[in-house]
Amino acid sequence: ARSVRARRRVPVVVHEANASAGLANRVGAMSARRVL
């Protein structure tokens, strides 16, 4: 989503289900528009 096209990125929303976030969502949350 960060680099799908040279002219724009696709925005990201992350939803974390657990009380302790996993690695994937930790990475996603760094550039997400909203973190839920």
All heavy atoms as atom14 arrays in JSON, in Angstrom:
{
  "sequence": "ARSVRARRRVPVVVHEANASAGLANRVGAMSARRVL",
  "atom14_mask": [
    [1, 1, 1, 1, 1, 0, 0, 0, 0, 0, 0, 0, 0, 0],
    [1, 1, 1, 1, 1, 1, 1, 1, 1, 1, 1, 0, 0, 0],
    [1, 1, 1, 1, 1, 1, 0, 0, 0, 0, 0, 0, 0, 0],
    [1, 1, 1, 1, 1, 1, 1, 0, 0, 0, 0, 0, 0, 0],
    [1, 1, 1, 1, 1, 1, 1, 1, 1, 1, 1, 0, 0, 0],
    [1, 1, 1, 1, 1, 0, 0, 0, 0, 0, 0, 0, 0, 0],
    [1, 1, 1, 1, 1, 1, 1, 1, 1, 1, 1, 0, 0, 0],
    [1, 1, 1, 1, 1, 1, 1, 1, 1, 1, 1, 0, 0, 0],
    [1, 1, 1, 1, 1, 1, 1, 1, 1, 1, 1, 0, 0, 0],
    [1, 1, 1, 1, 1, 1, 1, 0, 0, 0, 0, 0, 0, 0],
    [1, 1, 1, 1, 1, 1, 1, 0, 0, 0, 0, 0, 0, 0],
    [1, 1, 1, 1, 1, 1, 1, 0, 0, 0, 0, 0, 0, 0],
    [1, 1, 1, 1, 1, 1, 1, 0, 0, 0, 0, 0, 0, 0],
    [1, 1, 1, 1, 1, 1, 1, 0, 0, 0, 0, 0, 0, 0],
    [1, 1, 1, 1, 1, 1, 1, 1, 1, 1, 0, 0, 0, 0],
    [1, 1, 1, 1, 1, 1, 1, 1, 1, 0, 0, 0, 0, 0],
    [1, 1, 1, 1, 1, 0, 0, 0, 0, 0, 0, 0, 0, 0],
    [1, 1, 1, 1, 1, 1, 1, 1, 0, 0, 0, 0, 0, 0],
    [1, 1, 1, 1, 1, 0, 0, 0, 0, 0, 0, 0, 0, 0],
    [1, 1, 1, 1, 1, 1, 0, 0, 0, 0, 0, 0, 0, 0],
    [1, 1, 1, 1, 1, 0, 0, 0, 0, 0, 0, 0, 0, 0],
    [1, 1, 1, 1, 0, 0, 0, 0, 0, 0, 0, 0, 0, 0],
    [1, 1, 1, 1, 1, 1, 1, 1, 0, 0, 0, 0, 0, 0],
    [1, 1, 1, 1, 1, 0, 0, 0, 0, 0, 0, 0, 0, 0],
    [1, 1, 1, 1, 1, 1, 1, 1, 0, 0, 0, 0, 0, 0],
    [1, 1, 1, 1, 1, 1, 1, 1, 1, 1, 1, 0, 0, 0],
    [1, 1, 1, 1, 1, 1, 1, 0, 0, 0, 0, 0, 0, 0],
    [1, 1, 1, 1, 0, 0, 0, 0, 0, 0, 0, 0, 0, 0],
    [1, 1, 1, 1, 1, 0, 0, 0, 0, 0, 0, 0, 0, 0],
    [1, 1, 1, 1, 1, 1, 1, 1, 0, 0, 0, 0, 0, 0],
    [1, 1, 1, 1, 1, 1, 0, 0, 0, 0, 0, 0, 0, 0],
    [1, 1, 1, 1, 1, 0, 0, 0, 0, 0, 0, 0, 0, 0],
    [1, 1, 1, 1, 1, 1, 1, 1, 1, 1, 1, 0, 0, 0],
    [1, 1, 1, 1, 1, 1, 1, 1, 1, 1, 1, 0, 0, 0],
    [1, 1, 1, 1, 1, 1, 1, 0, 0, 0, 0, 0, 0, 0],
    [1, 1, 1, 1, 1, 1, 1, 1, 0, 0, 0, 0, 0, 0]
  ],
  "atom14_positions": [
    [[0.82, -1.22, 0.0], [0.0, 0.0, 0.0], [0.85, 1.26, 0.0], [0.42, 2.31, -0.47], [-0.93, 0.0, 1.2], [0.0, 0.0, 0.0], [0.0, 0.0, 0.0], [0.0, 0.0, 0.0], [0.0, 0.0, 0.0], [0.0, 0.0, 0.0], [0.0, 0.0, 0.0], [0.0, 0.0, 0.0], [0.0, 0.0, 0.0], [0.0, 0.0, 0.0]],
    [[2.07, 1.16, 0.51], [2.95, 2.33, 0.55], [3.49, 2.71, -0.82], [3.89, 3.85, -1.05], [4.15, 2.06, 1.47], [3.82, 1.85, 2.92], [5.1, 1.59, 3.7], [4.83, 1.32, 5.1], [5.78, 1.05, 6.0], [7.05, 1.03, 5.61], [5.47, 0.82, 7.25], [0.0, 0.0, 0.0], [0.0, 0.0, 0.0], [0.0, 0.0, 0.0]],
    [[3.52, 1.74, -1.74], [4.21, 2.0, -3.0], [3.5, 1.38, -4.19], [4.14, 0.94, -5.14], [5.63, 1.44, -2.92], [5.6, 0.05, -2.61], [0.0, 0.0, 0.0], [0.0, 0.0, 0.0], [0.0, 0.0, 0.0], [0.0, 0.0, 0.0], [0.0, 0.0, 0.0], [0.0, 0.0, 0.0], [0.0, 0.0, 0.0], [0.0, 0.0, 0.0]],
    [[2.17, 1.33, -4.15], [1.46, 0.69, -5.25], [1.64, 1.45, -6.55], [1.69, 0.89, -7.63], [-0.03, 0.49, -4.9], [-0.75, 1.83, -4.75], [-0.71, -0.36, -5.95], [0.0, 0.0, 0.0], [0.0, 0.0, 0.0], [0.0, 0.0, 0.0], [0.0, 0.0, 0.0], [0.0, 0.0, 0.0], [0.0, 0.0, 0.0], [0.0, 0.0, 0.0]],
    [[1.73, 2.77, -6.45], [1.93, 3.59, -7.64], [2.88, 4.73, -7.31], [2.92, 5.2, -6.17], [0.61, 4.17, -8.14], [-0.34, 3.12, -8.7], [-1.63, 3.76, -9.12], [-2.58, 2.76, -9.58], [-3.86, 3.01, -9.79], [-4.33, 4.22, -9.6], [-4.67, 2.06, -10.21], [0.0, 0.0, 0.0], [0.0, 0.0, 0.0], [0.0, 0.0, 0.0]],
    [[3.61, 5.17, -8.28], [4.56, 6.25, -8.05], [3.83, 7.53, -7.64], [4.35, 8.32, -6.86], [5.39, 6.49, -9.31], [0.0, 0.0, 0.0], [0.0, 0.0, 0.0], [0.0, 0.0, 0.0], [0.0, 0.0, 0.0], [0.0, 0.0, 0.0], [0.0, 0.0, 0.0], [0.0, 0.0, 0.0], [0.0, 0.0, 0.0], [0.0, 0.0, 0.0]],
    [[2.63, 7.74, -8.15], [1.96, 9.02, -7.91], [1.1, 9.05, -6.66], [0.64, 10.1, -6.24], [1.1, 9.41, -9.11], [-0.07, 8.48, -9.38], [-0.73, 8.81, -10.71], [-1.84, 7.93, -11.02], [-3.09, 8.17, -10.68], [-3.39, 9.25, -10.0], [-4.04, 7.33, -11.01], [0.0, 0.0, 0.0], [0.0, 0.0, 0.0], [0.0, 0.0, 0.0]],
    [[0.84, 7.88, -6.05], [0.05, 7.91, -4.83], [0.22, 6.63, -4.03], [0.56, 5.58, -4.57], [-1.44, 8.09, -5.13], [-2.12, 6.86, -5.74], [-3.62, 7.1, -5.84], [-4.32, 5.99, -6.48], [-4.89, 5.01, -5.82], [-4.83, 4.96, -4.5], [-5.53, 4.04, -6.47], [0.0, 0.0, 0.0], [0.0, 0.0, 0.0], [0.0, 0.0, 0.0]],
    [[0.0, 6.75, -2.74], [-0.07, 5.58, -1.87], [-1.53, 5.27, -1.59], [-2.39, 6.15, -1.68], [0.64, 5.85, -0.54], [2.15, 6.03, -0.65], [2.73, 6.27, 0.73], [4.19, 6.32, 0.69], [4.95, 6.41, 1.78], [4.39, 6.49, 2.98], [6.26, 6.45, 1.68], [0.0, 0.0, 0.0], [0.0, 0.0, 0.0], [0.0, 0.0, 0.0]],
    [[-1.79, 4.03, -1.24], [-3.14, 3.64, -0.83], [-3.21, 3.76, 0.68], [-2.37, 3.18, 1.38], [-3.45, 2.2, -1.28], [-4.83, 1.77, -0.78], [-3.38, 2.09, -2.79], [0.0, 0.0, 0.0], [0.0, 0.0, 0.0], [0.0, 0.0, 0.0], [0.0, 0.0, 0.0], [0.0, 0.0, 0.0], [0.0, 0.0, 0.0], [0.0, 0.0, 0.0]],
    [[-4.16, 4.5, 1.22], [-4.22, 4.65, 2.68], [-4.55, 3.33, 3.36], [-5.2, 2.46, 2.78], [-5.34, 5.68, 2.87], [-6.18, 5.58, 1.64], [-5.22, 5.25, 0.53], [0.0, 0.0, 0.0], [0.0, 0.0, 0.0], [0.0, 0.0, 0.0], [0.0, 0.0, 0.0], [0.0, 0.0, 0.0], [0.0, 0.0, 0.0], [0.0, 0.0, 0.0]],
    [[-4.1, 3.22, 4.6], [-4.27, 1.99, 5.37], [-5.01, 2.28, 6.67], [-4.76, 3.29, 7.34], [-2.89, 1.37, 5.7], [-3.01, 0.27, 6.76], [-2.25, 0.81, 4.43], [0.0, 0.0, 0.0], [0.0, 0.0, 0.0], [0.0, 0.0, 0.0], [0.0, 0.0, 0.0], [0.0, 0.0, 0.0], [0.0, 0.0, 0.0], [0.0, 0.0, 0.0]],
    [[-5.93, 1.39, 7.03], [-6.54, 1.36, 8.35], [-6.21, 0.01, 8.96], [-6.36, -1.02, 8.32], [-8.08, 1.56, 8.28], [-8.72, 1.26, 9.64], [-8.42, 2.97, 7.84], [0.0, 0.0, 0.0], [0.0, 0.0, 0.0], [0.0, 0.0, 0.0], [0.0, 0.0, 0.0], [0.0, 0.0, 0.0], [0.0, 0.0, 0.0], [0.0, 0.0, 0.0]],
    [[-5.73, 0.02, 10.2], [-5.36, -1.2, 10.9], [-6.36, -1.48, 12.01], [-6.75, -0.57, 12.75], [-3.94, -1.08, 11.52], [-3.64, -2.25, 12.45], [-2.89, -1.0, 10.41], [0.0, 0.0, 0.0], [0.0, 0.0, 0.0], [0.0, 0.0, 0.0], [0.0, 0.0, 0.0], [0.0, 0.0, 0.0], [0.0, 0.0, 0.0], [0.0, 0.0, 0.0]],
    [[-6.79, -2.74, 12.11], [-7.59, -3.16, 13.27], [-6.83, -4.27, 14.0], [-6.49, -5.29, 13.42], [-8.97, -3.68, 12.88], [-9.8, -4.05, 14.08], [-9.7, -5.29, 14.69], [-10.7, -3.34, 14.81], [-10.52, -5.32, 15.74], [-11.13, -4.16, 15.83], [0.0, 0.0, 0.0], [0.0, 0.0, 0.0], [0.0, 0.0, 0.0], [0.0, 0.0, 0.0]],
    [[-6.58, -4.05, 15.29], [-5.89, -5.03, 16.12], [-6.91, -5.71, 17.05], [-7.6, -5.05, 17.83], [-4.8, -4.36, 16.96], [-4.1, -5.28, 17.94], [-3.53, -6.52, 17.28], [-2.78, -6.39, 16.29], [-3.84, -7.63, 17.76], [0.0, 0.0, 0.0], [0.0, 0.0, 0.0], [0.0, 0.0, 0.0], [0.0, 0.0, 0.0], [0.0, 0.0, 0.0]],
    [[-6.99, -7.03, 16.94], [-7.97, -7.8, 17.71], [-7.5, -8.14, 19.11], [-8.31, -8.26, 20.03], [-8.33, -9.08, 16.96], [0.0, 0.0, 0.0], [0.0, 0.0, 0.0], [0.0, 0.0, 0.0], [0.0, 0.0, 0.0], [0.0, 0.0, 0.0], [0.0, 0.0, 0.0], [0.0, 0.0, 0.0], [0.0, 0.0, 0.0], [0.0, 0.0, 0.0]],
    [[-6.2, -8.33, 19.27], [-5.68, -8.85, 20.52], [-5.16, -7.76, 21.45], [-4.92, -6.63, 21.04], [-4.56, -9.85, 20.23], [-5.07, -11.1, 19.54], [-5.93, -11.8, 20.07], [-4.56, -11.37, 18.35], [0.0, 0.0, 0.0], [0.0, 0.0, 0.0], [0.0, 0.0, 0.0], [0.0, 0.0, 0.0], [0.0, 0.0, 0.0], [0.0, 0.0, 0.0]],
    [[-4.96, -8.16, 22.7], [-4.46, -7.22, 23.7], [-2.99, -6.92, 23.52], [-2.46, -5.97, 24.1], [-4.73, -7.77, 25.1], [0.0, 0.0, 0.0], [0.0, 0.0, 0.0], [0.0, 0.0, 0.0], [0.0, 0.0, 0.0], [0.0, 0.0, 0.0], [0.0, 0.0, 0.0], [0.0, 0.0, 0.0], [0.0, 0.0, 0.0], [0.0, 0.0, 0.0]],
    [[-2.31, -7.73, 22.71], [-0.9, -7.51, 22.41], [-0.69, -7.64, 20.91], [-0.8, -8.73, 20.36], [-0.03, -8.53, 23.16], [1.34, -8.34, 22.88], [0.0, 0.0, 0.0], [0.0, 0.0, 0.0], [0.0, 0.0, 0.0], [0.0, 0.0, 0.0], [0.0, 0.0, 0.0], [0.0, 0.0, 0.0], [0.0, 0.0, 0.0], [0.0, 0.0, 0.0]],
    [[-0.43, -6.54, 20.25], [-0.37, -6.52, 18.79], [0.8, -7.35, 18.26], [1.88, -7.39, 18.85], [-0.23, -5.09, 18.28], [0.0, 0.0, 0.0], [0.0, 0.0, 0.0], [0.0, 0.0, 0.0], [0.0, 0.0, 0.0], [0.0, 0.0, 0.0], [0.0, 0.0, 0.0], [0.0, 0.0, 0.0], [0.0, 0.0, 0.0], [0.0, 0.0, 0.0]],
    [[0.57, -8.02, 17.13], [1.61, -8.79, 16.48], [2.49, -7.91, 15.6], [2.23, -6.71, 15.42], [0.0, 0.0, 0.0], [0.0, 0.0, 0.0], [0.0, 0.0, 0.0], [0.0, 0.0, 0.0], [0.0, 0.0, 0.0], [0.0, 0.0, 0.0], [0.0, 0.0, 0.0], [0.0, 0.0, 0.0], [0.0, 0.0, 0.0], [0.0, 0.0, 0.0]],
    [[3.52, -8.52, 15.03], [4.5, -7.77, 14.24], [3.87, -7.09, 13.03], [4.16, -5.93, 12.73], [5.62, -8.7, 13.8], [6.69, -8.09, 12.89], [7.38, -6.93, 13.58], [7.71, -9.14, 12.47], [0.0, 0.0, 0.0], [0.0, 0.0, 0.0], [0.0, 0.0, 0.0], [0.0, 0.0, 0.0], [0.0, 0.0, 0.0], [0.0, 0.0, 0.0]],
    [[3.01, -7.8, 12.31], [2.43, -7.23, 11.09], [1.68, -5.94, 11.39], [1.87, -4.92, 10.71], [1.5, -8.25, 10.43], [0.0, 0.0, 0.0], [0.0, 0.0, 0.0], [0.0, 0.0, 0.0], [0.0, 0.0, 0.0], [0.0, 0.0, 0.0], [0.0, 0.0, 0.0], [0.0, 0.0, 0.0], [0.0, 0.0, 0.0], [0.0, 0.0, 0.0]],
    [[0.83, -5.96, 12.4], [0.07, -4.75, 12.72], [0.94, -3.65, 13.32], [0.64, -2.46, 13.19], [-1.1, -5.09, 13.65], [-2.31, -5.56, 12.88], [-2.32, -5.59, 11.66], [-3.35, -5.95, 13.61], [0.0, 0.0, 0.0], [0.0, 0.0, 0.0], [0.0, 0.0, 0.0], [0.0, 0.0, 0.0], [0.0, 0.0, 0.0], [0.0, 0.0, 0.0]],
    [[2.02, -4.04, 13.97], [2.94, -3.01, 14.46], [3.58, -2.27, 13.28], [3.75, -1.04, 13.33], [4.02, -3.64, 15.34], [3.51, -4.12, 16.69], [4.63, -4.75, 17.53], [4.11, -5.3, 18.76], [3.91, -4.62, 19.89], [4.21, -3.33, 19.92], [3.43, -5.2, 20.96], [0.0, 0.0, 0.0], [0.0, 0.0, 0.0], [0.0, 0.0, 0.0]],
    [[3.92, -3.02, 12.24], [4.47, -2.39, 11.04], [3.41, -1.53, 10.36], [3.66, -0.38, 9.98], [5.02, -3.46, 10.08], [5.41, -2.83, 8.73], [6.21, -4.17, 10.69], [0.0, 0.0, 0.0], [0.0, 0.0, 0.0], [0.0, 0.0, 0.0], [0.0, 0.0, 0.0], [0.0, 0.0, 0.0], [0.0, 0.0, 0.0], [0.0, 0.0, 0.0]],
    [[2.21, -2.09, 10.19], [1.15, -1.36, 9.52], [0.75, -0.09, 10.23], [0.47, 0.94, 9.6], [0.0, 0.0, 0.0], [0.0, 0.0, 0.0], [0.0, 0.0, 0.0], [0.0, 0.0, 0.0], [0.0, 0.0, 0.0], [0.0, 0.0, 0.0], [0.0, 0.0, 0.0], [0.0, 0.0, 0.0], [0.0, 0.0, 0.0], [0.0, 0.0, 0.0]],
    [[0.76, -0.12, 11.56], [0.33, 1.04, 12.34], [1.26, 2.23, 12.19], [0.86, 3.38, 12.39], [0.22, 0.66, 13.81], [0.0, 0.0, 0.0], [0.0, 0.0, 0.0], [0.0, 0.0, 0.0], [0.0, 0.0, 0.0], [0.0, 0.0, 0.0], [0.0, 0.0, 0.0], [0.0, 0.0, 0.0], [0.0, 0.0, 0.0], [0.0, 0.0, 0.0]],
    [[2.51, 1.98, 11.8], [3.49, 3.07, 11.68], [3.09, 4.08, 10.61], [3.4, 5.26, 10.72], [4.87, 2.49, 11.37], [5.45, 1.66, 12.51], [6.97, 0.77, 12.05], [8.07, 2.15, 11.71], [0.0, 0.0, 0.0], [0.0, 0.0, 0.0], [0.0, 0.0, 0.0], [0.0, 0.0, 0.0], [0.0, 0.0, 0.0], [0.0, 0.0, 0.0]],
    [[2.39, 3.63, 9.56], [2.02, 4.54, 8.48], [0.51, 4.58, 8.24], [0.05, 5.16, 7.25], [2.73, 4.13, 7.19], [2.41, 2.8, 6.84], [0.0, 0.0, 0.0], [0.0, 0.0, 0.0], [0.0, 0.0, 0.0], [0.0, 0.0, 0.0], [0.0, 0.0, 0.0], [0.0, 0.0, 0.0], [0.0, 0.0, 0.0], [0.0, 0.0, 0.0]],
    [[-0.27, 3.96, 9.12], [-1.73, 3.9, 8.93], [-2.38, 5.26, 9.17], [-1.93, 6.04, 10.02], [-2.33, 2.86, 9.86], [0.0, 0.0, 0.0], [0.0, 0.0, 0.0], [0.0, 0.0, 0.0], [0.0, 0.0, 0.0], [0.0, 0.0, 0.0], [0.0, 0.0, 0.0], [0.0, 0.0, 0.0], [0.0, 0.0, 0.0], [0.0, 0.0, 0.0]],
    [[-3.46, 5.51, 8.43], [-4.24, 6.73, 8.66], [-4.99, 6.64, 10.0], [-5.12, 7.65, 10.71], [-5.25, 6.94, 7.53], [-4.65, 7.2, 6.17], [-4.11, 8.61, 6.04], [-3.62, 8.87, 4.7], [-4.33, 9.44, 3.74], [-5.58, 9.83, 3.97], [-3.8, 9.64, 2.55], [0.0, 0.0, 0.0], [0.0, 0.0, 0.0], [0.0, 0.0, 0.0]],
    [[-5.52, 5.47, 10.3], [-6.23, 5.25, 11.57], [-5.84, 3.87, 12.11], [-5.69, 2.93, 11.33], [-7.74, 5.33, 11.39], [-8.26, 6.64, 10.84], [-8.43, 7.7, 11.91], [-9.54, 7.44, 12.8], [-10.81, 7.81, 12.55], [-11.11, 8.41, 11.4], [-11.77, 7.56, 13.42], [0.0, 0.0, 0.0], [0.0, 0.0, 0.0], [0.0, 0.0, 0.0]],
    [[-5.72, 3.77, 13.43], [-5.44, 2.5, 14.09], [-6.58, 2.23, 15.07], [-6.83, 3.03, 15.97], [-4.09, 2.54, 14.84], [-3.84, 1.21, 15.55], [-2.95, 2.86, 13.88], [0.0, 0.0, 0.0], [0.0, 0.0, 0.0], [0.0, 0.0, 0.0], [0.0, 0.0, 0.0], [0.0, 0.0, 0.0], [0.0, 0.0, 0.0], [0.0, 0.0, 0.0]],
    [[-7.25, 1.11, 14.87], [-8.4, 0.72, 15.69], [-8.05, -0.54, 16.47], [-7.21, -1.34, 16.03], [-9.62, 0.47, 14.8], [-9.9, 1.54, 13.74], [-11.09, 1.13, 12.88], [-10.17, 2.9, 14.39], [0.0, 0.0, 0.0], [0.0, 0.0, 0.0], [0.0, 0.0, 0.0], [0.0, 0.0, 0.0], [0.0, 0.0, 0.0], [0.0, 0.0, 0.0]]
  ]
}
